Amino acid sequence: MGNGFMLSWKPSSSPSISSVFKYRDRGTIINDILISVKNSGKGRKKTQIMQSANLNYLQMNKYLTYLMNCGFITVTEKQTYFITNKGAKFLQLVEFQKINSLR
């Protein structure tokens, strides 16, 4: 019409869904959470973990419960999360595995 704007859409130029959304596997998410908690000297609150690991509230709660049950993280009375020795060893194993896969 006469509004001065012209709309054009080219299906071939639009990005595919797989290139727009990057999905992470569970191992990557667990690794992201553990790194986030480890890198904080004073521990992390749920909101900080959620933001640094890019998770929603339900996902974060599921993973935190899992990591506590595995003994990889602990939580204080003030709801601050810390990595345990077992969690730190797990991170070392993951890094070692990454290095070996590059060979």
Foldseek 3Di string as FASTA:
>chain_A
DPPPDDDDDDVVPDDDPPVVDDDDDPVVLLLQLLVQQAPDPVAAALVSSCVSSVHDPVVSVVSVVVCVVVVQWDADPVRGIHGDPVVVVVNVVVVVVVVVVVD
